[in-house]
Amino acid sequence: MTKNETVFARSDAPLEIAALVLPRASILEVASVLDPMRNANRHLGREGFRWRVVSPDGGAVSLTCGIELPAVGPLKAAEGADVLVVIAGYNQSEIATRPLITGIRRMAGRFRAVGAVDAGPWVLARAGLLDGHRATVHWEDLEDFAQMHPAVEVVPDRFVISRNRFTAGGAAPAADLMLHLISARLGAALAGQVAASFQYEAQPDGARPQRPSMLPLANDPRLAAALYRMSAHLEEPLSLADIAESQGLGIRRMEQLFRDGLGQGPATAYLDLRLQAARRMVIDTRHSLREIALRCGFVDPTSFSRAFRRRFGGPPGQIRRMGQR
């Protein structure tokens, strides 16, 4: 098989994947990439996939849960693999140093495909490897990613395959992507066996949107739809009348629906969604507090700080410092 042929095509030849895991990645992201291949080999009774883990410095990688993940060597040790997958989580902007970015850019042409998971697309984009491609990233980063990399066609999909590039928005989408790879190469029956082994209900359609926010669980579809609509309008909050009307409800009926399902009214639920989004940006981004306030629908920074303190027990600046420590 030539290097130009897609890895997402029927083939009985073993596929070798090198996973470049950056410090502060999640163990769930790593497992979502590696374990489906292991399980596929188990069901096949032979090696349909091979893999190796490499790290920026060649040493063990410290994951977010505190576990040290062994690596076979630095990026150079990925040489000879068919595919390179970059798995990254928090602080990729500091962890993915300029020499590492340069190394990835130089080596990219040696692989039949290059992909990334969660914050990994940031690394590929910084290397210029996603320019002219469709790509996704974790839903929390979609807006910033699109602004920072206008040459990339950014979409909110769970996973995206764009010629010899692929990206997945997080751990579960990465599992969906790997099951898609198994199905494409070795058949849907095998992919189904792998999913069943993990009691996992795969989402084979990568174009399905990622969840836009940490929505509360809601059994009533009207409540779920109202929450979804709220989460999609954080910067310019909708009126409760607009949300109720979109679900064919009156204000009183929607109020009762929220209290029965969540134990709180719709106004409180909406505010909590905005504040949860603000807290994530306070801890995980370098945006100014004024910009965060505006992005979460607070025109007045003072009212934002007051609401934030009531919800989280401290002002945004204090929570940012605590989160960084």
C-alpha atoms as a PDB file:
ATOM      1  CA  MET A   1       0.000   0.000   0.000  1.00  0.00           C
ATOM      2  CA  THR A   2       1.410   3.402  -0.954  1.00  0.00           C
ATOM      3  CA  LYS A   3       1.778   6.288   1.438  1.00  0.00           C
ATOM      4  CA  ASN A   4      -0.891   8.232  -0.462  1.00  0.00           C
ATOM      5  CA  GLU A   5      -3.619   5.668   0.190  1.00  0.00           C
ATOM      6  CA  THR A   6      -5.854   6.418   3.141  1.00  0.00           C
ATOM      7  CA  VAL A   7      -5.483   4.391   6.310  1.00  0.00           C
ATOM      8  CA  PHE A   8      -9.293   4.454   6.536  1.00  0.00           C
ATOM      9  CA  ALA A   9      -9.685   1.788   3.840  1.00  0.00           C
ATOM     10  CA  ARG A  10     -10.096  -1.969   3.823  1.00  0.00           C
ATOM     11  CA  SER A  11      -6.788  -3.727   4.536  1.00  0.00           C
ATOM     12  CA  ASP A  12      -5.590  -6.827   6.345  1.00  0.00           C
ATOM     13  CA  ALA A  13      -2.083  -5.403   6.708  1.00  0.00           C
ATOM     14  CA  PRO A  14      -1.128  -4.429  10.273  1.00  0.00           C
ATOM     15  CA  LEU A  15      -1.350  -0.692  10.906  1.00  0.00           C
ATOM     16  CA  GLU A  16       1.246   0.793  13.250  1.00  0.00           C
ATOM     17  CA  ILE A  17       0.350   3.902  15.229  1.00  0.00           C
ATOM     18  CA  ALA A  18       2.736   6.097  17.212  1.00  0.00           C
ATOM     19  CA  ALA A  19       0.981   8.045  19.961  1.00  0.00           C
ATOM     20  CA  LEU A  20       2.811  11.209  20.989  1.00  0.00           C
ATOM     21  CA  VAL A  21       1.413  11.795  24.474  1.00  0.00           C
ATOM     22  CA  LEU A  22       2.029  15.177  26.059  1.00  0.00           C
ATOM     23  CA  PRO A  23       2.220  15.701  29.833  1.00  0.00           C
ATOM     24  CA  ARG A  24      -1.140  16.588  31.417  1.00  0.00           C
ATOM     25  CA  ALA A  25      -3.074  14.537  28.898  1.00  0.00           C
ATOM     26  CA  SER A  26      -5.921  12.440  30.285  1.00  0.00           C
ATOM     27  CA  ILE A  27      -5.546   8.711  30.798  1.00  0.00           C
ATOM     28  CA  LEU A  28      -9.021   8.306  29.308  1.00  0.00           C
ATOM     29  CA  GLU A  29      -7.860   9.955  26.068  1.00  0.00           C
ATOM     30  CA  VAL A  30      -4.861   7.638  25.863  1.00  0.00           C
ATOM     31  CA  ALA A  31      -6.995   4.562  26.570  1.00  0.00           C
ATOM     32  CA  SER A  32      -9.584   5.653  23.984  1.00  0.00           C
ATOM     33  CA  VAL A  33      -6.879   5.522  21.325  1.00  0.00           C
ATOM     34  CA  LEU A  34      -4.926   2.443  22.406  1.00  0.00           C
ATOM     35  CA  ASP A  35      -7.430   0.039  23.970  1.00  0.00           C
ATOM     36  CA  PRO A  36      -9.716  -0.338  20.929  1.00  0.00           C
ATOM     37  CA  MET A  37      -6.686  -1.546  18.946  1.00  0.00           C
ATOM     38  CA  ARG A  38      -5.712  -4.000  21.670  1.00  0.00           C
ATOM     39  CA  ASN A  39      -9.241  -5.344  21.832  1.00  0.00           C
ATOM     40  CA  ALA A  40      -9.475  -5.592  18.052  1.00  0.00           C
ATOM     41  CA  ASN A  41      -6.320  -7.733  18.028  1.00  0.00           C
ATOM     42  CA  ARG A  42      -7.841  -9.954  20.719  1.00  0.00           C
ATOM     43  CA  HIS A  43     -10.930 -10.617  18.632  1.00  0.00           C
ATOM     44  CA  LEU A  44      -8.899 -11.049  15.449  1.00  0.00           C
ATOM     45  CA  GLY A  45      -6.447 -13.465  17.005  1.00  0.00           C
ATOM     46  CA  ARG A  46      -3.628 -11.634  15.264  1.00  0.00           C
ATOM     47  CA  GLU A  47      -2.045  -8.172  15.001  1.00  0.00           C
ATOM     48  CA  GLY A  48      -4.288  -5.932  12.977  1.00  0.00           C
ATOM     49  CA  PHE A  49      -2.766  -2.990  14.845  1.00  0.00           C
ATOM     50  CA  ARG A  50       0.536  -2.198  16.490  1.00  0.00           C
ATOM     51  CA  TRP A  51       1.324   0.846  18.591  1.00  0.00           C
ATOM     52  CA  ARG A  52       4.010   2.618  20.522  1.00  0.00           C
ATOM     53  CA  VAL A  53       3.937   5.571  22.923  1.00  0.00           C
ATOM     54  CA  VAL A  54       6.458   8.391  22.528  1.00  0.00           C
ATOM     55  CA  SER A  55       6.844  11.549  24.580  1.00  0.00           C
ATOM     56  CA  PRO A  56       8.401  14.987  24.123  1.00  0.00           C
ATOM     57  CA  ASP A  57      11.572  14.074  26.024  1.00  0.00           C
ATOM     58  CA  GLY A  58      11.447  10.295  25.711  1.00  0.00           C
ATOM     59  CA  GLY A  59      10.684   9.788  29.391  1.00  0.00           C
ATOM     60  CA  ALA A  60       7.536   8.707  31.176  1.00  0.00           C
ATOM     61  CA  VAL A  61       4.595  11.086  30.784  1.00  0.00           C
ATOM     62  CA  SER A  62       2.755  12.435  33.815  1.00  0.00           C
ATOM     63  CA  LEU A  63      -0.993  12.251  33.142  1.00  0.00           C
ATOM     64  CA  THR A  64      -3.666  14.353  34.829  1.00  0.00           C
ATOM     65  CA  CYS A  65      -4.567  11.525  37.223  1.00  0.00           C
ATOM     66  CA  GLY A  66      -0.963  11.346  38.478  1.00  0.00           C
ATOM     67  CA  ILE A  67      -0.066   8.107  36.702  1.00  0.00           C
ATOM     68  CA  GLU A  68       3.259   7.999  34.850  1.00  0.00           C
ATOM     69  CA  LEU A  69       2.840   6.553  31.343  1.00  0.00           C
ATOM     70  CA  PRO A  70       6.020   4.865  30.021  1.00  0.00           C
ATOM     71  CA  ALA A  71       7.290   5.866  26.584  1.00  0.00           C
ATOM     72  CA  VAL A  72       9.651   4.068  24.218  1.00  0.00           C
ATOM     73  CA  GLY A  73      11.504   7.271  23.415  1.00  0.00           C
ATOM     74  CA  PRO A  74      11.169  10.828  22.093  1.00  0.00           C
ATOM     75  CA  LEU A  75       9.387  11.928  18.927  1.00  0.00           C
ATOM     76  CA  LYS A  76      12.181  10.455  16.810  1.00  0.00           C
ATOM     77  CA  ALA A  77      11.134   7.006  18.087  1.00  0.00           C
ATOM     78  CA  ALA A  78       7.882   7.397  16.118  1.00  0.00           C
ATOM     79  CA  GLU A  79       9.843   6.953  12.889  1.00  0.00           C
ATOM     80  CA  GLY A  80       8.619   3.975  10.866  1.00  0.00           C
ATOM     81  CA  ALA A  81       5.038   4.064  12.123  1.00  0.00           C
ATOM     82  CA  ASP A  82       2.211   4.485   9.637  1.00  0.00           C
ATOM     83  CA  VAL A  83       0.333   7.055  11.707  1.00  0.00           C
ATOM     84  CA  LEU A  84       1.238   9.721  14.246  1.00  0.00           C
ATOM     85  CA  VAL A  85      -1.426  10.731  16.796  1.00  0.00           C
ATOM     86  CA  VAL A  86      -0.829  13.685  19.116  1.00  0.00           C
ATOM     87  CA  ILE A  87      -2.709  13.360  22.415  1.00  0.00           C
ATOM     88  CA  ALA A  88      -2.700  16.528  24.493  1.00  0.00           C
ATOM     89  CA  GLY A  89      -4.715  18.067  27.309  1.00  0.00           C
ATOM     90  CA  TYR A  90      -4.014  20.995  29.597  1.00  0.00           C
ATOM     91  CA  ASN A  91      -1.275  23.593  29.039  1.00  0.00           C
ATOM     92  CA  GLN A  92      -0.347  22.415  25.559  1.00  0.00           C
ATOM     93  CA  SER A  93       0.823  25.952  24.709  1.00  0.00           C
ATOM     94  CA  GLU A  94       3.682  25.619  27.227  1.00  0.00           C
ATOM     95  CA  ILE A  95       4.262  21.874  26.976  1.00  0.00           C
ATOM     96  CA  ALA A  96       4.450  21.767  23.172  1.00  0.00           C
ATOM     97  CA  THR A  97       7.688  23.719  22.850  1.00  0.00           C
ATOM     98  CA  ARG A  98       8.970  25.284  19.651  1.00  0.00           C
ATOM     99  CA  PRO A  99      11.529  22.467  19.083  1.00  0.00           C
ATOM    100  CA  LEU A 100       8.755  19.872  19.455  1.00  0.00           C
ATOM    101  CA  ILE A 101       6.494  21.753  17.025  1.00  0.00           C
ATOM    102  CA  THR A 102       9.381  21.970  14.559  1.00  0.00           C
ATOM    103  CA  GLY A 103      10.075  18.260  14.948  1.00  0.00           C
ATOM    104  CA  ILE A 104       6.448  17.340  14.282  1.00  0.00           C
ATOM    105  CA  ARG A 105       6.382  19.562  11.202  1.00  0.00           C
ATOM    106  CA  ARG A 106       9.567  17.993   9.826  1.00  0.00           C
ATOM    107  CA  MET A 107       8.433  14.423  10.455  1.00  0.00           C
ATOM    108  CA  ALA A 108       4.815  14.753   9.336  1.00  0.00           C
ATOM    109  CA  GLY A 109       5.523  13.780   5.735  1.00  0.00           C
ATOM    110  CA  ARG A 110       6.974  10.447   6.825  1.00  0.00           C
ATOM    111  CA  PHE A 111       3.593   9.216   8.051  1.00  0.00           C
ATOM    112  CA  ARG A 112       0.633   8.110   5.967  1.00  0.00           C
ATOM    113  CA  ALA A 113      -1.656  10.061   8.284  1.00  0.00           C
ATOM    114  CA  VAL A 114      -1.299  12.501  11.168  1.00  0.00           C
ATOM    115  CA  GLY A 115      -4.020  13.031  13.756  1.00  0.00           C
ATOM    116  CA  ALA A 116      -4.729  14.583  17.113  1.00  0.00           C
ATOM    117  CA  VAL A 117      -7.059  14.235  20.101  1.00  0.00           C
ATOM    118  CA  ASP A 118      -8.570  16.823  22.489  1.00  0.00           C
ATOM    119  CA  ALA A 119      -6.019  19.684  22.633  1.00  0.00           C
ATOM    120  CA  GLY A 120      -3.763  17.885  20.156  1.00  0.00           C
ATOM    121  CA  PRO A 121      -5.210  19.815  17.185  1.00  0.00           C
ATOM    122  CA  TRP A 122      -3.695  22.981  18.679  1.00  0.00           C
ATOM    123  CA  VAL A 123      -0.278  21.348  18.339  1.00  0.00           C
ATOM    124  CA  LEU A 124      -0.861  20.301  14.728  1.00  0.00           C
ATOM    125  CA  ALA A 125      -2.267  23.726  13.856  1.00  0.00           C
ATOM    126  CA  ARG A 126       0.732  25.477  15.389  1.00  0.00           C
ATOM    127  CA  ALA A 127       2.897  23.274  13.159  1.00  0.00           C
ATOM    128  CA  GLY A 128       0.863  24.378  10.118  1.00  0.00           C
ATOM    129  CA  LEU A 129      -0.302  20.806   9.521  1.00  0.00           C
ATOM    130  CA  LEU A 130      -4.033  21.595   9.531  1.00  0.00           C
ATOM    131  CA  ASP A 131      -3.967  24.539   7.126  1.00  0.00           C
ATOM    132  CA  GLY A 132      -6.463  23.891   4.335  1.00  0.00           C
ATOM    133  CA  HIS A 133      -8.051  21.010   6.248  1.00  0.00           C
ATOM    134  CA  ARG A 134     -11.311  20.569   8.120  1.00  0.00           C
ATOM    135  CA  ALA A 135     -10.650  19.914  11.786  1.00  0.00           C
ATOM    136  CA  THR A 136     -12.202  19.900  15.210  1.00  0.00           C
ATOM    137  CA  VAL A 137     -10.972  20.401  18.755  1.00  0.00           C
ATOM    138  CA  HIS A 138     -12.498  20.028  22.205  1.00  0.00           C
ATOM    139  CA  TRP A 139     -15.747  22.000  22.323  1.00  0.00           C
ATOM    140  CA  GLU A 140     -14.410  24.312  25.039  1.00  0.00           C
ATOM    141  CA  ASP A 141     -11.746  25.561  22.609  1.00  0.00           C
ATOM    142  CA  LEU A 142     -13.676  25.782  19.339  1.00  0.00           C
ATOM    143  CA  GLU A 143     -14.117  29.556  19.261  1.00  0.00           C
ATOM    144  CA  ASP A 144     -10.554  30.383  20.310  1.00  0.00           C
ATOM    145  CA  PHE A 145      -9.119  27.748  17.966  1.00  0.00           C
ATOM    146  CA  ALA A 146     -11.009  29.176  14.978  1.00  0.00           C
ATOM    147  CA  GLN A 147      -9.851  32.703  15.779  1.00  0.00           C
ATOM    148  CA  MET A 148      -6.229  31.675  16.202  1.00  0.00           C
ATOM    149  CA  HIS A 149      -6.070  29.488  13.083  1.00  0.00           C
ATOM    150  CA  PRO A 150      -8.138  31.057  10.276  1.00  0.00           C
ATOM    151  CA  ALA A 151      -6.489  28.785   7.669  1.00  0.00           C
ATOM    152  CA  VAL A 152      -8.205  25.789   9.282  1.00  0.00           C
ATOM    153  CA  GLU A 153     -11.870  25.030   8.579  1.00  0.00           C
ATOM    154  CA  VAL A 154     -13.015  24.487  12.151  1.00  0.00           C
ATOM    155  CA  VAL A 155     -16.192  22.473  12.716  1.00  0.00           C
ATOM    156  CA  PRO A 156     -17.885  21.403  15.986  1.00  0.00           C
ATOM    157  CA  ASP A 157     -17.971  17.714  15.004  1.00  0.00           C
ATOM    158  CA  ARG A 158     -17.025  14.826  17.281  1.00  0.00           C
ATOM    159  CA  PHE A 159     -14.296  13.710  14.910  1.00  0.00           C
ATOM    160  CA  VAL A 160     -13.156  14.794  11.449  1.00  0.00           C
ATOM    161  CA  ILE A 161     -11.216  13.002   8.726  1.00  0.00           C
ATOM    162  CA  SER A 162      -9.733  15.381   6.155  1.00  0.00           C
ATOM    163  CA  ARG A 163      -7.578  13.559   3.586  1.00  0.00           C
ATOM    164  CA  ASN A 164      -4.503  12.427   5.568  1.00  0.00           C
ATOM    165  CA  ARG A 165      -5.402  14.398   8.697  1.00  0.00           C
ATOM    166  CA  PHE A 166      -7.842  13.458  11.437  1.00  0.00           C
ATOM    167  CA  THR A 167      -8.894  15.139  14.666  1.00  0.00           C
ATOM    168  CA  ALA A 168     -11.137  14.173  17.594  1.00  0.00           C
ATOM    169  CA  GLY A 169     -12.685  16.502  20.172  1.00  0.00           C
ATOM    170  CA  GLY A 170     -11.986  14.423  23.291  1.00  0.00           C
ATOM    171  CA  ALA A 171     -11.848  10.946  24.804  1.00  0.00           C
ATOM    172  CA  ALA A 172     -15.261   9.626  23.731  1.00  0.00           C
ATOM    173  CA  PRO A 173     -14.961  11.046  20.197  1.00  0.00           C
ATOM    174  CA  ALA A 174     -11.494   9.460  20.006  1.00  0.00           C
ATOM    175  CA  ALA A 175     -13.063   6.086  20.816  1.00  0.00           C
ATOM    176  CA  ASP A 176     -15.638   6.691  18.074  1.00  0.00           C
ATOM    177  CA  LEU A 177     -12.825   7.561  15.677  1.00  0.00           C
ATOM    178  CA  MET A 178     -10.878   4.397  16.499  1.00  0.00           C
ATOM    179  CA  LEU A 179     -13.990   2.244  16.066  1.00  0.00           C
ATOM    180  CA  HIS A 180     -14.504   3.928  12.688  1.00  0.00           C
ATOM    181  CA  LEU A 181     -10.896   3.074  11.788  1.00  0.00           C
ATOM    182  CA  ILE A 182     -11.389  -0.557  12.836  1.00  0.00           C
ATOM    183  CA  SER A 183     -14.609  -0.775  10.853  1.00  0.00           C
ATOM    184  CA  ALA A 184     -13.063   0.799   7.757  1.00  0.00           C
ATOM    185  CA  ARG A 185     -10.046  -1.511   7.759  1.00  0.00           C
ATOM    186  CA  LEU A 186     -11.386  -4.765   9.128  1.00  0.00           C
ATOM    187  CA  GLY A 187     -15.176  -4.605   8.981  1.00  0.00           C
ATOM    188  CA  ALA A 188     -18.163  -3.342  10.945  1.00  0.00           C
ATOM    189  CA  ALA A 189     -18.607  -6.701  12.681  1.00  0.00           C
ATOM    190  CA  LEU A 190     -15.223  -6.432  14.352  1.00  0.00           C
ATOM    191  CA  ALA A 191     -15.862  -2.815  15.353  1.00  0.00           C
ATOM    192  CA  GLY A 192     -19.152  -3.945  16.904  1.00  0.00           C
ATOM    193  CA  GLN A 193     -17.371  -6.657  18.888  1.00  0.00           C
ATOM    194  CA  VAL A 194     -14.874  -4.116  20.218  1.00  0.00           C
ATOM    195  CA  ALA A 195     -17.629  -1.692  21.213  1.00  0.00           C
ATOM    196  CA  ALA A 196     -19.542  -4.511  22.910  1.00  0.00           C
ATOM    197  CA  SER A 197     -16.455  -5.536  24.889  1.00  0.00           C
ATOM    198  CA  PHE A 198     -16.402  -2.102  26.475  1.00  0.00           C
ATOM    199  CA  GLN A 199     -20.200  -1.938  26.736  1.00  0.00           C
ATOM    200  CA  TYR A 200     -19.828   1.229  24.696  1.00  0.00           C
ATOM    201  CA  GLU A 201     -22.501   2.629  22.419  1.00  0.00           C
ATOM    202  CA  ALA A 202     -20.478   4.099  19.583  1.00  0.00           C
ATOM    203  CA  GLN A 203     -21.386   7.262  17.707  1.00  0.00           C
ATOM    204  CA  PRO A 204     -20.233   6.268  14.206  1.00  0.00           C
ATOM    205  CA  ASP A 205     -21.215   9.598  12.678  1.00  0.00           C
ATOM    206  CA  GLY A 206     -18.295  11.912  13.385  1.00  0.00           C
ATOM    207  CA  ALA A 207     -20.302  14.877  12.108  1.00  0.00           C
ATOM    208  CA  ARG A 208     -22.568  14.796  15.149  1.00  0.00           C
ATOM    209  CA  PRO A 209     -21.904  17.944  17.186  1.00  0.00           C
ATOM    210  CA  GLN A 210     -20.032  17.845  20.443  1.00  0.00           C
ATOM    211  CA  ARG A 211     -21.925  18.731  23.580  1.00  0.00           C
ATOM    212  CA  PRO A 212     -21.658  22.529  23.802  1.00  0.00           C
ATOM    213  CA  SER A 213     -21.532  22.759  27.589  1.00  0.00           C
ATOM    214  CA  MET A 214     -21.826  20.838  30.816  1.00  0.00           C
ATOM    215  CA  LEU A 215     -25.588  20.494  30.679  1.00  0.00           C
ATOM    216  CA  PRO A 216     -27.490  19.014  33.615  1.00  0.00           C
ATOM    217  CA  LEU A 217     -29.057  15.651  32.914  1.00  0.00           C
ATOM    218  CA  ALA A 218     -32.671  16.071  31.867  1.00  0.00           C
ATOM    219  CA  ASN A 219     -35.151  13.271  31.239  1.00  0.00           C
ATOM    220  CA  ASP A 220     -37.838  15.458  29.698  1.00  0.00           C
ATOM    221  CA  PRO A 221     -36.892  16.242  26.058  1.00  0.00           C
ATOM    222  CA  ARG A 222     -38.390  19.737  26.334  1.00  0.00           C
ATOM    223  CA  LEU A 223     -36.219  20.474  29.348  1.00  0.00           C
ATOM    224  CA  ALA A 224     -33.149  19.087  27.584  1.00  0.00           C
ATOM    225  CA  ALA A 225     -33.904  21.195  24.504  1.00  0.00           C
ATOM    226  CA  ALA A 226     -34.377  24.327  26.605  1.00  0.00           C
ATOM    227  CA  LEU A 227     -31.037  23.738  28.352  1.00  0.00           C
ATOM    228  CA  TYR A 228     -29.350  23.153  25.008  1.00  0.00           C
ATOM    229  CA  ARG A 229     -30.774  26.412  23.695  1.00  0.00           C
ATOM    230  CA  MET A 230     -29.556  28.259  26.772  1.00  0.00           C
ATOM    231  CA  SER A 231     -26.060  26.802  26.423  1.00  0.00           C
ATOM    232  CA  ALA A 232     -25.887  27.948  22.814  1.00  0.00           C
ATOM    233  CA  HIS A 233     -26.682  31.554  23.806  1.00  0.00           C
ATOM    234  CA  LEU A 234     -24.387  32.401  26.696  1.00  0.00           C
ATOM    235  CA  GLU A 235     -22.871  35.588  25.294  1.00  0.00           C
ATOM    236  CA  GLU A 236     -26.237  37.153  24.460  1.00  0.00           C
ATOM    237  CA  PRO A 237     -28.728  35.458  26.795  1.00  0.00           C
ATOM    238  CA  LEU A 238     -32.212  34.860  25.456  1.00  0.00           C
ATOM    239  CA  SER A 239     -35.298  35.899  27.342  1.00  0.00           C
ATOM    240  CA  LEU A 240     -37.129  33.162  29.207  1.00  0.00           C
ATOM    241  CA  ALA A 241     -40.169  33.935  27.047  1.00  0.00           C
ATOM    242  CA  ASP A 242     -38.165  33.157  23.884  1.00  0.00           C
ATOM    243  CA  ILE A 243     -36.915  29.872  25.340  1.00  0.00           C
ATOM    244  CA  ALA A 244     -40.389  28.842  26.483  1.00  0.00           C
ATOM    245  CA  GLU A 245     -41.907  29.704  23.110  1.00  0.00           C
ATOM    246  CA  SER A 246     -39.243  27.661  21.277  1.00  0.00           C
ATOM    247  CA  GLN A 247     -40.494  24.596  23.184  1.00  0.00           C
ATOM    248  CA  GLY A 248     -44.171  25.410  22.787  1.00  0.00           C
ATOM    249  CA  LEU A 249     -44.501  26.208  26.473  1.00  0.00           C
ATOM    250  CA  GLY A 250     -45.795  29.054  28.561  1.00  0.00           C
ATOM    251  CA  ILE A 251     -43.539  30.668  31.153  1.00  0.00           C
ATOM    252  CA  ARG A 252     -45.364  29.029  34.084  1.00  0.00           C
ATOM    253  CA  ARG A 253     -45.222  25.577  32.492  1.00  0.00           C
ATOM    254  CA  MET A 254     -41.494  25.936  31.763  1.00  0.00           C
ATOM    255  CA  GLU A 255     -40.904  27.121  35.319  1.00  0.00           C
ATOM    256  CA  GLN A 256     -42.617  23.975  36.630  1.00  0.00           C
ATOM    257  CA  LEU A 257     -40.679  21.791  34.165  1.00  0.00           C
ATOM    258  CA  PHE A 258     -37.361  23.137  35.468  1.00  0.00           C
ATOM    259  CA  ARG A 259     -38.351  22.821  39.111  1.00  0.00           C
ATOM    260  CA  ASP A 260     -39.578  19.243  38.639  1.00  0.00           C
ATOM    261  CA  GLY A 261     -36.512  18.213  36.651  1.00  0.00           C
ATOM    262  CA  LEU A 262     -33.688  20.231  38.225  1.00  0.00           C
ATOM    263  CA  GLY A 263     -35.044  21.583  41.500  1.00  0.00           C
ATOM    264  CA  GLN A 264     -34.442  25.153  40.356  1.00  0.00           C
ATOM    265  CA  GLY A 265     -36.106  27.703  38.118  1.00  0.00           C
ATOM    266  CA  PRO A 266     -35.020  28.421  34.537  1.00  0.00           C
ATOM    267  CA  ALA A 267     -33.447  31.787  35.395  1.00  0.00           C
ATOM    268  CA  THR A 268     -31.237  30.180  38.043  1.00  0.00           C
ATOM    269  CA  ALA A 269     -30.322  27.304  35.704  1.00  0.00           C
ATOM    270  CA  TYR A 270     -29.421  29.744  32.928  1.00  0.00           C
ATOM    271  CA  LEU A 271     -27.238  31.814  35.240  1.00  0.00           C
ATOM    272  CA  ASP A 272     -25.494  28.669  36.458  1.00  0.00           C
ATOM    273  CA  LEU A 273     -24.667  27.616  32.890  1.00  0.00           C
ATOM    274  CA  ARG A 274     -23.127  31.032  32.249  1.00  0.00           C
ATOM    275  CA  LEU A 275     -21.137  30.974  35.483  1.00  0.00           C
ATOM    276  CA  GLN A 276     -19.869  27.430  34.897  1.00  0.00           C
ATOM    277  CA  ALA A 277     -18.649  28.493  31.455  1.00  0.00           C
ATOM    278  CA  ALA A 278     -17.013  31.553  33.024  1.00  0.00           C
ATOM    279  CA  ARG A 279     -15.250  29.445  35.658  1.00  0.00           C
ATOM    280  CA  ARG A 280     -13.799  27.180  32.979  1.00  0.00           C
ATOM    281  CA  MET A 281     -12.425  30.187  31.086  1.00  0.00           C
ATOM    282  CA  VAL A 282     -11.097  31.773  34.281  1.00  0.00           C
ATOM    283  CA  ILE A 283      -9.076  28.640  35.089  1.00  0.00           C
ATOM    284  CA  ASP A 284      -8.195  27.259  31.658  1.00  0.00           C
ATOM    285  CA  THR A 285      -7.578  30.353  29.511  1.00  0.00           C
ATOM    286  CA  ARG A 286      -5.651  33.603  29.655  1.00  0.00           C
ATOM    287  CA  HIS A 287      -8.580  35.754  28.593  1.00  0.00           C
ATOM    288  CA  SER A 288      -9.032  38.903  30.635  1.00  0.00           C
ATOM    289  CA  LEU A 289     -11.782  38.829  33.221  1.00  0.00           C
ATOM    290  CA  ARG A 290     -13.580  41.575  31.312  1.00  0.00           C
ATOM    291  CA  GLU A 291     -13.586  39.461  28.135  1.00  0.00           C
ATOM    292  CA  ILE A 292     -14.802  36.420  30.062  1.00  0.00           C
ATOM    293  CA  ALA A 293     -17.619  38.464  31.568  1.00  0.00           C
ATOM    294  CA  LEU A 294     -18.725  39.620  28.105  1.00  0.00           C
ATOM    295  CA  ARG A 295     -18.490  36.114  26.634  1.00  0.00           C
ATOM    296  CA  CYS A 296     -20.764  34.823  29.353  1.00  0.00           C
ATOM    297  CA  GLY A 297     -23.405  37.507  29.012  1.00  0.00           C
ATOM    298  CA  PHE A 298     -22.337  39.942  31.754  1.00  0.00           C
ATOM    299  CA  VAL A 299     -22.189  43.509  30.468  1.00  0.00           C
ATOM    300  CA  ASP A 300     -21.045  44.842  33.838  1.00  0.00           C
ATOM    301  CA  PRO A 301     -17.801  43.306  35.256  1.00  0.00           C
ATOM    302  CA  THR A 302     -18.910  44.228  38.785  1.00  0.00           C
ATOM    303  CA  SER A 303     -22.136  42.214  38.534  1.00  0.00           C
ATOM    304  CA  PHE A 304     -20.117  39.348  37.007  1.00  0.00           C
ATOM    305  CA  SER A 305     -17.662  39.348  39.913  1.00  0.00           C
ATOM    306  CA  ARG A 306     -20.500  39.505  42.447  1.00  0.00           C
ATOM    307  CA  ALA A 307     -22.403  36.592  40.856  1.00  0.00           C
ATOM    308  CA  PHE A 308     -19.183  34.604  40.490  1.00  0.00           C
ATOM    309  CA  ARG A 309     -18.284  35.075  44.150  1.00  0.00           C
ATOM    310  CA  ARG A 310     -21.748  33.976  45.280  1.00  0.00           C
ATOM    311  CA  ARG A 311     -21.560  30.822  43.141  1.00  0.00           C
ATOM    312  CA  PHE A 312     -17.951  29.735  43.753  1.00  0.00           C
ATOM    313  CA  GLY A 313     -17.020  31.319  47.090  1.00  0.00           C
ATOM    314  CA  GLY A 314     -14.411  33.719  45.763  1.00  0.00           C
ATOM    315  CA  PRO A 315     -13.836  36.386  43.098  1.00  0.00           C
ATOM    316  CA  PRO A 316     -12.673  35.340  39.614  1.00  0.00           C
ATOM    317  CA  GLY A 317      -9.086  36.504  40.162  1.00  0.00           C
ATOM    318  CA  GLN A 318      -8.723  34.386  43.299  1.00  0.00           C
ATOM    319  CA  ILE A 319     -10.210  31.310  41.621  1.00  0.00           C
ATOM    320  CA  ARG A 320      -7.809  31.811  38.678  1.00  0.00           C
ATOM    321  CA  ARG A 321      -4.797  31.877  40.983  1.00  0.00           C
ATOM    322  CA  MET A 322      -6.001  28.797  42.858  1.00  0.00           C
ATOM    323  CA  GLY A 323      -6.648  26.942  39.605  1.00  0.00           C
ATOM    324  CA  GLN A 324      -3.177  27.756  38.277  1.00  0.00           C
ATOM    325  CA  ARG A 325      -1.580  26.416  41.452  1.00  0.00           C
END
